[in-house]
Amino acid sequence: AELAPGVDVGPYAIIGPGVSIGANSRVGPRVLIERDTT
Protein backbone atom coordinates (compact mmCIF):
# COMPACT_ATOMS: atom_id res chain seq x y z
CA ALA A 1 0.00 0.00 0.00
CA GLU A 2 1.05 3.61 -0.59
CA LEU A 3 0.26 6.34 1.94
CA ALA A 4 0.94 9.95 0.93
CA PRO A 5 2.14 12.62 3.40
CA GLY A 6 -0.45 13.65 5.94
CA VAL A 7 -2.45 10.41 5.82
CA ASP A 8 -3.94 9.37 9.17
CA VAL A 9 -4.99 5.72 9.66
CA GLY A 10 -7.13 5.03 12.73
CA PRO A 11 -7.37 2.11 15.17
CA TYR A 12 -8.00 -1.39 13.78
CA ALA A 13 -8.17 -0.17 10.19
CA ILE A 14 -6.98 -2.61 7.52
CA ILE A 15 -5.33 -1.33 4.33
CA GLY A 16 -4.72 -4.03 1.72
CA PRO A 17 -2.42 -4.47 -1.27
CA GLY A 18 -2.59 -2.15 -4.23
CA VAL A 19 -4.19 0.62 -2.17
CA SER A 20 -3.05 4.21 -2.70
CA ILE A 21 -4.24 6.95 -0.32
CA GLY A 22 -3.77 10.60 -1.24
CA ALA A 23 -2.26 13.34 0.88
CA ASN A 24 -4.05 14.46 4.06
CA SER A 25 -6.77 11.81 3.83
CA ARG A 26 -8.10 10.31 7.05
CA VAL A 27 -9.06 6.66 7.41
CA GLY A 28 -11.20 6.15 10.49
CA PRO A 29 -11.31 3.27 12.97
CA ARG A 30 -12.22 -0.21 11.76
CA VAL A 31 -12.24 0.82 8.10
CA LEU A 32 -11.44 -1.93 5.59
CA ILE A 33 -9.91 -0.98 2.25
CA GLU A 34 -9.45 -4.44 0.81
CA ARG A 35 -7.33 -3.99 -2.33
CA ASP A 36 -6.65 -2.16 -5.60
CA THR A 37 -8.25 1.08 -4.47
CA THR A 38 -7.13 4.67 -5.04
PDB file of all heavy atoms in Angstrom:
ATOM      1  N   ALA A   1       0.847  -1.196   0.000  1.00  0.00           N
ATOM      2  CA  ALA A   1       0.000   0.000   0.000  1.00  0.00           C
ATOM      3  C   ALA A   1       0.883   1.246   0.000  1.00  0.00           C
ATOM      4  O   ALA A   1       2.015   1.238   0.488  1.00  0.00           O
ATOM      5  CB  ALA A   1      -0.912   0.004   1.215  1.00  0.00           C
ATOM      6  N   GLU A   2       0.335   2.347  -0.535  1.00  0.00           N
ATOM      7  CA  GLU A   2       1.053   3.611  -0.592  1.00  0.00           C
ATOM      8  C   GLU A   2       0.255   4.678   0.143  1.00  0.00           C
ATOM      9  O   GLU A   2      -0.894   4.952  -0.200  1.00  0.00           O
ATOM     10  CB  GLU A   2       1.284   4.045  -2.047  1.00  0.00           C
ATOM     11  CG  GLU A   2       2.137   3.070  -2.845  1.00  0.00           C
ATOM     12  CD  GLU A   2       2.349   3.531  -4.274  1.00  0.00           C
ATOM     13  OE1 GLU A   2       1.819   4.614  -4.629  1.00  0.00           O
ATOM     14  OE2 GLU A   2       3.040   2.823  -5.023  1.00  0.00           O
ATOM     15  N   LEU A   3       0.898   5.289   1.146  1.00  0.00           N
ATOM     16  CA  LEU A   3       0.259   6.344   1.936  1.00  0.00           C
ATOM     17  C   LEU A   3       1.015   7.650   1.712  1.00  0.00           C
ATOM     18  O   LEU A   3       2.208   7.738   1.999  1.00  0.00           O
ATOM     19  CB  LEU A   3       0.270   5.990   3.422  1.00  0.00           C
ATOM     20  CG  LEU A   3      -0.271   4.608   3.825  1.00  0.00           C
ATOM     21  CD1 LEU A   3      -0.270   4.469   5.342  1.00  0.00           C
ATOM     22  CD2 LEU A   3      -1.652   4.367   3.255  1.00  0.00           C
ATOM     23  N   ALA A   4       0.307   8.651   1.208  1.00  0.00           N
ATOM     24  CA  ALA A   4       0.941   9.947   0.932  1.00  0.00           C
ATOM     25  C   ALA A   4       1.128  10.741   2.225  1.00  0.00           C
ATOM     26  O   ALA A   4       0.530  10.415   3.260  1.00  0.00           O
ATOM     27  CB  ALA A   4       0.094  10.723  -0.065  1.00  0.00           C
ATOM     28  N   PRO A   5       1.948  11.786   2.199  1.00  0.00           N
ATOM     29  CA  PRO A   5       2.141  12.619   3.397  1.00  0.00           C
ATOM     30  C   PRO A   5       0.819  13.145   3.938  1.00  0.00           C
ATOM     31  O   PRO A   5      -0.073  13.536   3.196  1.00  0.00           O
ATOM     32  CB  PRO A   5       3.025  13.756   2.885  1.00  0.00           C
ATOM     33  CG  PRO A   5       3.787  13.154   1.753  1.00  0.00           C
ATOM     34  CD  PRO A   5       2.829  12.207   1.093  1.00  0.00           C
ATOM     35  N   GLY A   6       0.722  13.140   5.272  1.00  0.00           N
ATOM     36  CA  GLY A   6      -0.455  13.652   5.940  1.00  0.00           C
ATOM     37  C   GLY A   6      -1.578  12.655   6.127  1.00  0.00           C
ATOM     38  O   GLY A   6      -2.597  12.978   6.738  1.00  0.00           O
ATOM     39  N   VAL A   7      -1.416  11.431   5.634  1.00  0.00           N
ATOM     40  CA  VAL A   7      -2.454  10.412   5.819  1.00  0.00           C
ATOM     41  C   VAL A   7      -2.504   9.984   7.278  1.00  0.00           C
ATOM     42  O   VAL A   7      -1.469   9.810   7.929  1.00  0.00           O
ATOM     43  CB  VAL A   7      -2.202   9.192   4.899  1.00  0.00           C
ATOM     44  CG1 VAL A   7      -3.091   8.020   5.283  1.00  0.00           C
ATOM     45  CG2 VAL A   7      -2.427   9.584   3.446  1.00  0.00           C
ATOM     46  N   ASP A   8      -3.715   9.798   7.786  1.00  0.00           N
ATOM     47  CA  ASP A   8      -3.941   9.368   9.167  1.00  0.00           C
ATOM     48  C   ASP A   8      -4.803   8.108   9.132  1.00  0.00           C
ATOM     49  O   ASP A   8      -5.933   8.142   8.631  1.00  0.00           O
ATOM     50  CB  ASP A   8      -4.644  10.483   9.936  1.00  0.00           C
ATOM     51  CG  ASP A   8      -4.818  10.167  11.424  1.00  0.00           C
ATOM     52  OD1 ASP A   8      -4.501   9.034  11.829  1.00  0.00           O
ATOM     53  OD2 ASP A   8      -5.289  11.055  12.156  1.00  0.00           O
ATOM     54  N   VAL A   9      -4.283   6.999   9.646  1.00  0.00           N
ATOM     55  CA  VAL A   9      -4.994   5.721   9.659  1.00  0.00           C
ATOM     56  C   VAL A   9      -5.347   5.381  11.096  1.00  0.00           C
ATOM     57  O   VAL A   9      -4.479   5.276  11.968  1.00  0.00           O
ATOM     58  CB  VAL A   9      -4.133   4.598   9.036  1.00  0.00           C
ATOM     59  CG1 VAL A   9      -4.884   3.265   9.070  1.00  0.00           C
ATOM     60  CG2 VAL A   9      -3.752   4.950   7.599  1.00  0.00           C
ATOM     61  N   GLY A  10      -6.645   5.196  11.375  1.00  0.00           N
ATOM     62  CA  GLY A  10      -7.128   5.026  12.728  1.00  0.00           C
ATOM     63  C   GLY A  10      -7.027   3.612  13.261  1.00  0.00           C
ATOM     64  O   GLY A  10      -6.586   2.679  12.566  1.00  0.00           O
ATOM     65  N   PRO A  11      -7.475   3.412  14.498  1.00  0.00           N
ATOM     66  CA  PRO A  11      -7.367   2.111  15.169  1.00  0.00           C
ATOM     67  C   PRO A  11      -8.089   0.997  14.411  1.00  0.00           C
ATOM     68  O   PRO A  11      -9.197   1.190  13.907  1.00  0.00           O
ATOM     69  CB  PRO A  11      -8.028   2.352  16.535  1.00  0.00           C
ATOM     70  CG  PRO A  11      -7.994   3.818  16.727  1.00  0.00           C
ATOM     71  CD  PRO A  11      -8.080   4.432  15.380  1.00  0.00           C
ATOM     72  N   TYR A  12      -7.425  -0.145  14.318  1.00  0.00           N
ATOM     73  CA  TYR A  12      -7.996  -1.387  13.776  1.00  0.00           C
ATOM     74  C   TYR A  12      -8.381  -1.280  12.300  1.00  0.00           C
ATOM     75  O   TYR A  12      -9.076  -2.164  11.786  1.00  0.00           O
ATOM     76  CB  TYR A  12      -9.193  -1.848  14.608  1.00  0.00           C
ATOM     77  CG  TYR A  12      -8.834  -2.099  16.054  1.00  0.00           C
ATOM     78  CD1 TYR A  12      -9.150  -1.158  17.035  1.00  0.00           C
ATOM     79  CD2 TYR A  12      -8.136  -3.243  16.428  1.00  0.00           C
ATOM     80  CE1 TYR A  12      -8.792  -1.368  18.354  1.00  0.00           C
ATOM     81  CE2 TYR A  12      -7.776  -3.460  17.752  1.00  0.00           C
ATOM     82  CZ  TYR A  12      -8.109  -2.526  18.705  1.00  0.00           C
ATOM     83  OH  TYR A  12      -7.741  -2.734  20.030  1.00  0.00           O
ATOM     84  N   ALA A  13      -7.948  -0.239  11.634  1.00  0.00           N
ATOM     85  CA  ALA A  13      -8.173  -0.167  10.191  1.00  0.00           C
ATOM     86  C   ALA A  13      -7.285  -1.186   9.485  1.00  0.00           C
ATOM     87  O   ALA A  13      -6.201  -1.541   9.974  1.00  0.00           O
ATOM     88  CB  ALA A  13      -7.880   1.237   9.673  1.00  0.00           C
ATOM     89  N   ILE A  14      -7.745  -1.656   8.321  1.00  0.00           N
ATOM     90  CA  ILE A  14      -6.979  -2.607   7.517  1.00  0.00           C
ATOM     91  C   ILE A  14      -6.856  -2.044   6.111  1.00  0.00           C
ATOM     92  O   ILE A  14      -7.864  -1.775   5.451  1.00  0.00           O
ATOM     93  CB  ILE A  14      -7.655  -3.992   7.475  1.00  0.00           C
ATOM     94  CG1 ILE A  14      -7.785  -4.565   8.891  1.00  0.00           C
ATOM     95  CG2 ILE A  14      -6.867  -4.940   6.577  1.00  0.00           C
ATOM     96  CD1 ILE A  14      -8.543  -5.882   8.954  1.00  0.00           C
ATOM     97  N   ILE A  15      -5.622  -1.867   5.653  1.00  0.00           N
ATOM     98  CA  ILE A  15      -5.332  -1.332   4.327  1.00  0.00           C
ATOM     99  C   ILE A  15      -4.621  -2.422   3.538  1.00  0.00           C
ATOM    100  O   ILE A  15      -3.531  -2.845   3.903  1.00  0.00           O
ATOM    101  CB  ILE A  15      -4.442  -0.070   4.397  1.00  0.00           C
ATOM    102  CG1 ILE A  15      -4.982   0.931   5.421  1.00  0.00           C
ATOM    103  CG2 ILE A  15      -4.291   0.547   3.014  1.00  0.00           C
ATOM    104  CD1 ILE A  15      -6.329   1.484   5.095  1.00  0.00           C
ATOM    105  N   GLY A  16      -5.236  -2.891   2.446  1.00  0.00           N
ATOM    106  CA  GLY A  16      -4.724  -4.035   1.717  1.00  0.00           C
ATOM    107  C   GLY A  16      -3.771  -3.682   0.598  1.00  0.00           C
ATOM    108  O   GLY A  16      -3.409  -2.511   0.391  1.00  0.00           O
ATOM    109  N   PRO A  17      -3.381  -4.680  -0.186  1.00  0.00           N
ATOM    110  CA  PRO A  17      -2.416  -4.472  -1.274  1.00  0.00           C
ATOM    111  C   PRO A  17      -3.019  -3.669  -2.420  1.00  0.00           C
ATOM    112  O   PRO A  17      -4.217  -3.718  -2.689  1.00  0.00           O
ATOM    113  CB  PRO A  17      -2.097  -5.905  -1.721  1.00  0.00           C
ATOM    114  CG  PRO A  17      -3.317  -6.701  -1.350  1.00  0.00           C
ATOM    115  CD  PRO A  17      -3.816  -6.086  -0.075  1.00  0.00           C
ATOM    116  N   GLY A  18      -2.144  -2.915  -3.081  1.00  0.00           N
ATOM    117  CA  GLY A  18      -2.592  -2.146  -4.226  1.00  0.00           C
ATOM    118  C   GLY A  18      -3.429  -0.937  -3.877  1.00  0.00           C
ATOM    119  O   GLY A  18      -4.070  -0.348  -4.752  1.00  0.00           O
ATOM    120  N   VAL A  19      -3.422  -0.541  -2.610  1.00  0.00           N
ATOM    121  CA  VAL A  19      -4.189   0.623  -2.171  1.00  0.00           C
ATOM    122  C   VAL A  19      -3.279   1.847  -2.174  1.00  0.00           C
ATOM    123  O   VAL A  19      -2.144   1.792  -1.696  1.00  0.00           O
ATOM    124  CB  VAL A  19      -4.790   0.409  -0.774  1.00  0.00           C
ATOM    125  CG1 VAL A  19      -5.432   1.693  -0.254  1.00  0.00           C
ATOM    126  CG2 VAL A  19      -5.811  -0.722  -0.800  1.00  0.00           C
ATOM    127  N   SER A  20      -3.785   2.952  -2.704  1.00  0.00           N
ATOM    128  CA  SER A  20      -3.053   4.214  -2.696  1.00  0.00           C
ATOM    129  C   SER A  20      -3.944   5.276  -2.076  1.00  0.00           C
ATOM    130  O   SER A  20      -5.076   5.489  -2.529  1.00  0.00           O
ATOM    131  CB  SER A  20      -2.664   4.616  -4.123  1.00  0.00           C
ATOM    132  OG  SER A  20      -2.053   5.890  -4.139  1.00  0.00           O
ATOM    133  N   ILE A  21      -3.454   5.944  -1.028  1.00  0.00           N
ATOM    134  CA  ILE A  21      -4.243   6.952  -0.319  1.00  0.00           C
ATOM    135  C   ILE A  21      -3.562   8.306  -0.460  1.00  0.00           C
ATOM    136  O   ILE A  21      -2.388   8.460  -0.120  1.00  0.00           O
ATOM    137  CB  ILE A  21      -4.412   6.568   1.163  1.00  0.00           C
ATOM    138  CG1 ILE A  21      -5.080   5.192   1.274  1.00  0.00           C
ATOM    139  CG2 ILE A  21      -5.226   7.615   1.900  1.00  0.00           C
ATOM    140  CD1 ILE A  21      -5.257   4.702   2.686  1.00  0.00           C
ATOM    141  N   GLY A  22      -4.323   9.291  -0.951  1.00  0.00           N
ATOM    142  CA  GLY A  22      -3.770  10.598  -1.244  1.00  0.00           C
ATOM    143  C   GLY A  22      -3.478  11.431  -0.005  1.00  0.00           C
ATOM    144  O   GLY A  22      -3.942  11.144   1.103  1.00  0.00           O
ATOM    145  N   ALA A  23      -2.750  12.488  -0.207  1.00  0.00           N
ATOM    146  CA  ALA A  23      -2.264  13.336   0.881  1.00  0.00           C
ATOM    147  C   ALA A  23      -3.408  13.859   1.742  1.00  0.00           C
ATOM    148  O   ALA A  23      -4.477  14.232   1.250  1.00  0.00           O
ATOM    149  CB  ALA A  23      -1.466  14.501   0.308  1.00  0.00           C
ATOM    150  N   ASN A  24      -3.166  13.854   3.054  1.00  0.00           N
ATOM    151  CA  ASN A  24      -4.052  14.457   4.058  1.00  0.00           C
ATOM    152  C   ASN A  24      -5.414  13.771   4.172  1.00  0.00           C
ATOM    153  O   ASN A  24      -6.352  14.355   4.718  1.00  0.00           O
ATOM    154  CB  ASN A  24      -4.238  15.959   3.794  1.00  0.00           C
ATOM    155  CG  ASN A  24      -2.921  16.699   3.775  1.00  0.00           C
ATOM    156  OD1 ASN A  24      -2.079  16.508   4.639  1.00  0.00           O
ATOM    157  ND2 ASN A  24      -2.725  17.524   2.762  1.00  0.00           N
ATOM    158  N   SER A  25      -5.527  12.568   3.653  1.00  0.00           N
ATOM    159  CA  SER A  25      -6.768  11.810   3.833  1.00  0.00           C
ATOM    160  C   SER A  25      -6.766  11.130   5.191  1.00  0.00           C
ATOM    161  O   SER A  25      -5.711  10.766   5.725  1.00  0.00           O
ATOM    162  CB  SER A  25      -6.931  10.762   2.726  1.00  0.00           C
ATOM    163  OG  SER A  25      -7.202  11.381   1.485  1.00  0.00           O
ATOM    164  N   ARG A  26      -7.967  10.952   5.747  1.00  0.00           N
ATOM    165  CA  ARG A  26      -8.103  10.310   7.048  1.00  0.00           C
ATOM    166  C   ARG A  26      -8.940   9.048   6.905  1.00  0.00           C
ATOM    167  O   ARG A  26     -10.055   9.069   6.376  1.00  0.00           O
ATOM    168  CB  ARG A  26      -8.759  11.250   8.055  1.00  0.00           C
ATOM    169  CG  ARG A  26      -7.914  12.451   8.427  1.00  0.00           C
ATOM    170  CD  ARG A  26      -8.218  12.932   9.858  1.00  0.00           C
ATOM    171  NE  ARG A  26      -9.631  13.221  10.046  1.00  0.00           N
ATOM    172  CZ  ARG A  26     -10.173  14.434   9.970  1.00  0.00           C
ATOM    173  NH1 ARG A  26      -9.414  15.473   9.666  1.00  0.00           N
ATOM    174  NH2 ARG A  26     -11.462  14.621  10.195  1.00  0.00           N
ATOM    175  N   VAL A  27      -8.385   7.953   7.408  1.00  0.00           N
ATOM    176  CA  VAL A  27      -9.059   6.656   7.411  1.00  0.00           C
ATOM    177  C   VAL A  27      -9.438   6.348   8.848  1.00  0.00           C
ATOM    178  O   VAL A  27      -8.573   6.185   9.709  1.00  0.00           O
ATOM    179  CB  VAL A  27      -8.144   5.559   6.829  1.00  0.00           C
ATOM    180  CG1 VAL A  27      -8.830   4.206   6.893  1.00  0.00           C
ATOM    181  CG2 VAL A  27      -7.751   5.905   5.391  1.00  0.00           C
ATOM    182  N   GLY A  28     -10.721   6.286   9.124  1.00  0.00           N
ATOM    183  CA  GLY A  28     -11.198   6.149  10.491  1.00  0.00           C
ATOM    184  C   GLY A  28     -11.019   4.754  11.069  1.00  0.00           C
ATOM    185  O   GLY A  28     -10.518   3.843  10.411  1.00  0.00           O
ATOM    186  N   PRO A  29     -11.457   4.564  12.302  1.00  0.00           N
ATOM    187  CA  PRO A  29     -11.309   3.271  12.967  1.00  0.00           C
ATOM    188  C   PRO A  29     -12.129   2.181  12.285  1.00  0.00           C
ATOM    189  O   PRO A  29     -13.220   2.434  11.773  1.00  0.00           O
ATOM    190  CB  PRO A  29     -11.824   3.541  14.385  1.00  0.00           C
ATOM    191  CG  PRO A  29     -12.685   4.748  14.264  1.00  0.00           C
ATOM    192  CD  PRO A  29     -12.104   5.570  13.167  1.00  0.00           C
ATOM    193  N   ARG A  30     -11.548   0.985  12.250  1.00  0.00           N
ATOM    194  CA  ARG A  30     -12.219  -0.214  11.756  1.00  0.00           C
ATOM    195  C   ARG A  30     -12.623  -0.127  10.287  1.00  0.00           C
ATOM    196  O   ARG A  30     -13.499  -0.862   9.832  1.00  0.00           O
ATOM    197  CB  ARG A  30     -13.438  -0.563  12.625  1.00  0.00           C
ATOM    198  CG  ARG A  30     -13.062  -1.054  14.015  1.00  0.00           C
ATOM    199  CD  ARG A  30     -14.264  -1.146  14.931  1.00  0.00           C
ATOM    200  NE  ARG A  30     -14.739   0.178  15.293  1.00  0.00           N
ATOM    201  CZ  ARG A  30     -14.234   0.901  16.300  1.00  0.00           C
ATOM    202  NH1 ARG A  30     -13.257   0.404  17.039  1.00  0.00           N
ATOM    203  NH2 ARG A  30     -14.707   2.105  16.577  1.00  0.00           N
ATOM    204  N   VAL A  31     -12.006   0.753   9.551  1.00  0.00           N
ATOM    205  CA  VAL A  31     -12.235   0.818   8.103  1.00  0.00           C
ATOM    206  C   VAL A  31     -11.471  -0.315   7.428  1.00  0.00           C
ATOM    207  O   VAL A  31     -10.337  -0.627   7.802  1.00  0.00           O
ATOM    208  CB  VAL A  31     -11.772   2.178   7.535  1.00  0.00           C
ATOM    209  CG1 VAL A  31     -11.720   2.151   6.005  1.00  0.00           C
ATOM    210  CG2 VAL A  31     -12.690   3.286   8.016  1.00  0.00           C
ATOM    211  N   LEU A  32     -12.109  -0.946   6.429  1.00  0.00           N
ATOM    212  CA  LEU A  32     -11.437  -1.935   5.591  1.00  0.00           C
ATOM    213  C   LEU A  32     -11.347  -1.386   4.176  1.00  0.00           C
ATOM    214  O   LEU A  32     -12.366  -1.070   3.565  1.00  0.00           O
ATOM    215  CB  LEU A  32     -12.204  -3.258   5.577  1.00  0.00           C
ATOM    216  CG  LEU A  32     -11.762  -4.277   4.508  1.00  0.00           C
ATOM    217  CD1 LEU A  32     -10.316  -4.710   4.721  1.00  0.00           C
ATOM    218  CD2 LEU A  32     -12.706  -5.476   4.476  1.00  0.00           C
ATOM    219  N   ILE A  33     -10.129  -1.258   3.663  1.00  0.00           N
ATOM    220  CA  ILE A  33      -9.910  -0.977   2.246  1.00  0.00           C
ATOM    221  C   ILE A  33      -9.183  -2.204   1.708  1.00  0.00           C
ATOM    222  O   ILE A  33      -7.981  -2.373   1.900  1.00  0.00           O
ATOM    223  CB  ILE A  33      -9.101   0.307   2.021  1.00  0.00           C
ATOM    224  CG1 ILE A  33      -9.750   1.485   2.762  1.00  0.00           C
ATOM    225  CG2 ILE A  33      -9.003   0.623   0.536  1.00  0.00           C
ATOM    226  CD1 ILE A  33      -9.004   2.797   2.630  1.00  0.00           C
ATOM    227  N   GLU A  34      -9.934  -3.079   1.048  1.00  0.00           N
ATOM    228  CA  GLU A  34      -9.446  -4.440   0.808  1.00  0.00           C
ATOM    229  C   GLU A  34      -8.269  -4.502  -0.151  1.00  0.00           C
ATOM    230  O   GLU A  34      -7.246  -5.102   0.145  1.00  0.00           O
ATOM    231  CB  GLU A  34     -10.589  -5.307   0.292  1.00  0.00           C
ATOM    232  CG  GLU A  34     -10.204  -6.780   0.180  1.00  0.00           C
ATOM    233  CD  GLU A  34     -11.387  -7.651  -0.132  1.00  0.00           C
ATOM    234  OE1 GLU A  34     -11.760  -7.761  -1.317  1.00  0.00           O
ATOM    235  OE2 GLU A  34     -11.956  -8.223   0.818  1.00  0.00           O
ATOM    236  N   ARG A  35      -8.414  -3.897  -1.347  1.00  0.00           N
ATOM    237  CA  ARG A  35      -7.335  -3.991  -2.331  1.00  0.00           C
ATOM    238  C   ARG A  35      -7.619  -3.088  -3.524  1.00  0.00           C
ATOM    239  O   ARG A  35      -8.746  -2.641  -3.745  1.00  0.00           O
ATOM    240  CB  ARG A  35      -7.156  -5.435  -2.815  1.00  0.00           C
ATOM    241  CG  ARG A  35      -8.340  -5.996  -3.578  1.00  0.00           C
ATOM    242  CD  ARG A  35      -8.144  -7.444  -4.027  1.00  0.00           C
ATOM    243  NE  ARG A  35      -6.912  -7.600  -4.784  1.00  0.00           N
ATOM    244  CZ  ARG A  35      -5.853  -8.302  -4.329  1.00  0.00           C
ATOM    245  NH1 ARG A  35      -5.898  -8.894  -3.143  1.00  0.00           N
ATOM    246  NH2 ARG A  35      -4.760  -8.405  -5.067  1.00  0.00           N
ATOM    247  N   ASP A  36      -6.562  -2.797  -4.285  1.00  0.00           N
ATOM    248  CA  ASP A  36      -6.654  -2.164  -5.605  1.00  0.00           C
ATOM    249  C   ASP A  36      -7.602  -0.959  -5.619  1.00  0.00           C
ATOM    250  O   ASP A  36      -8.465  -0.824  -6.489  1.00  0.00           O
ATOM    251  CB  ASP A  36      -7.081  -3.191  -6.656  1.00  0.00           C
ATOM    252  CG  ASP A  36      -6.063  -4.322  -6.777  1.00  0.00           C
ATOM    253  OD1 ASP A  36      -4.861  -4.029  -6.644  1.00  0.00           O
ATOM    254  OD2 ASP A  36      -6.469  -5.483  -6.973  1.00  0.00           O
ATOM    255  N   THR A  37      -7.395  -0.092  -4.643  1.00  0.00           N
ATOM    256  CA  THR A  37      -8.250   1.085  -4.465  1.00  0.00           C
ATOM    257  C   THR A  37      -7.377   2.334  -4.402  1.00  0.00           C
ATOM    258  O   THR A  37      -6.340   2.345  -3.738  1.00  0.00           O
ATOM    259  CB  THR A  37      -9.075   0.967  -3.177  1.00  0.00           C
ATOM    260  OG1 THR A  37      -9.978  -0.121  -3.307  1.00  0.00           O
ATOM    261  CG2 THR A  37      -9.852   2.243  -2.877  1.00  0.00           C
ATOM    262  N   THR A  38      -7.816   3.383  -5.090  1.00  0.00           N
ATOM    263  CA  THR A  38      -7.134   4.672  -5.043  1.00  0.00           C
ATOM    264  C   THR A  38      -8.051   5.706  -4.415  1.00  0.00           C
ATOM    265  O   THR A  38      -9.185   5.893  -4.877  1.00  0.00           O
ATOM    266  CB  THR A  38      -6.741   5.129  -6.456  1.00  0.00           C
ATOM    267  OG1 THR A  38      -5.855   4.169  -7.039  1.00  0.00           O
ATOM    268  CG2 THR A  38      -6.051   6.486  -6.402  1.00  0.00           C
TER     269      THR A  38
END
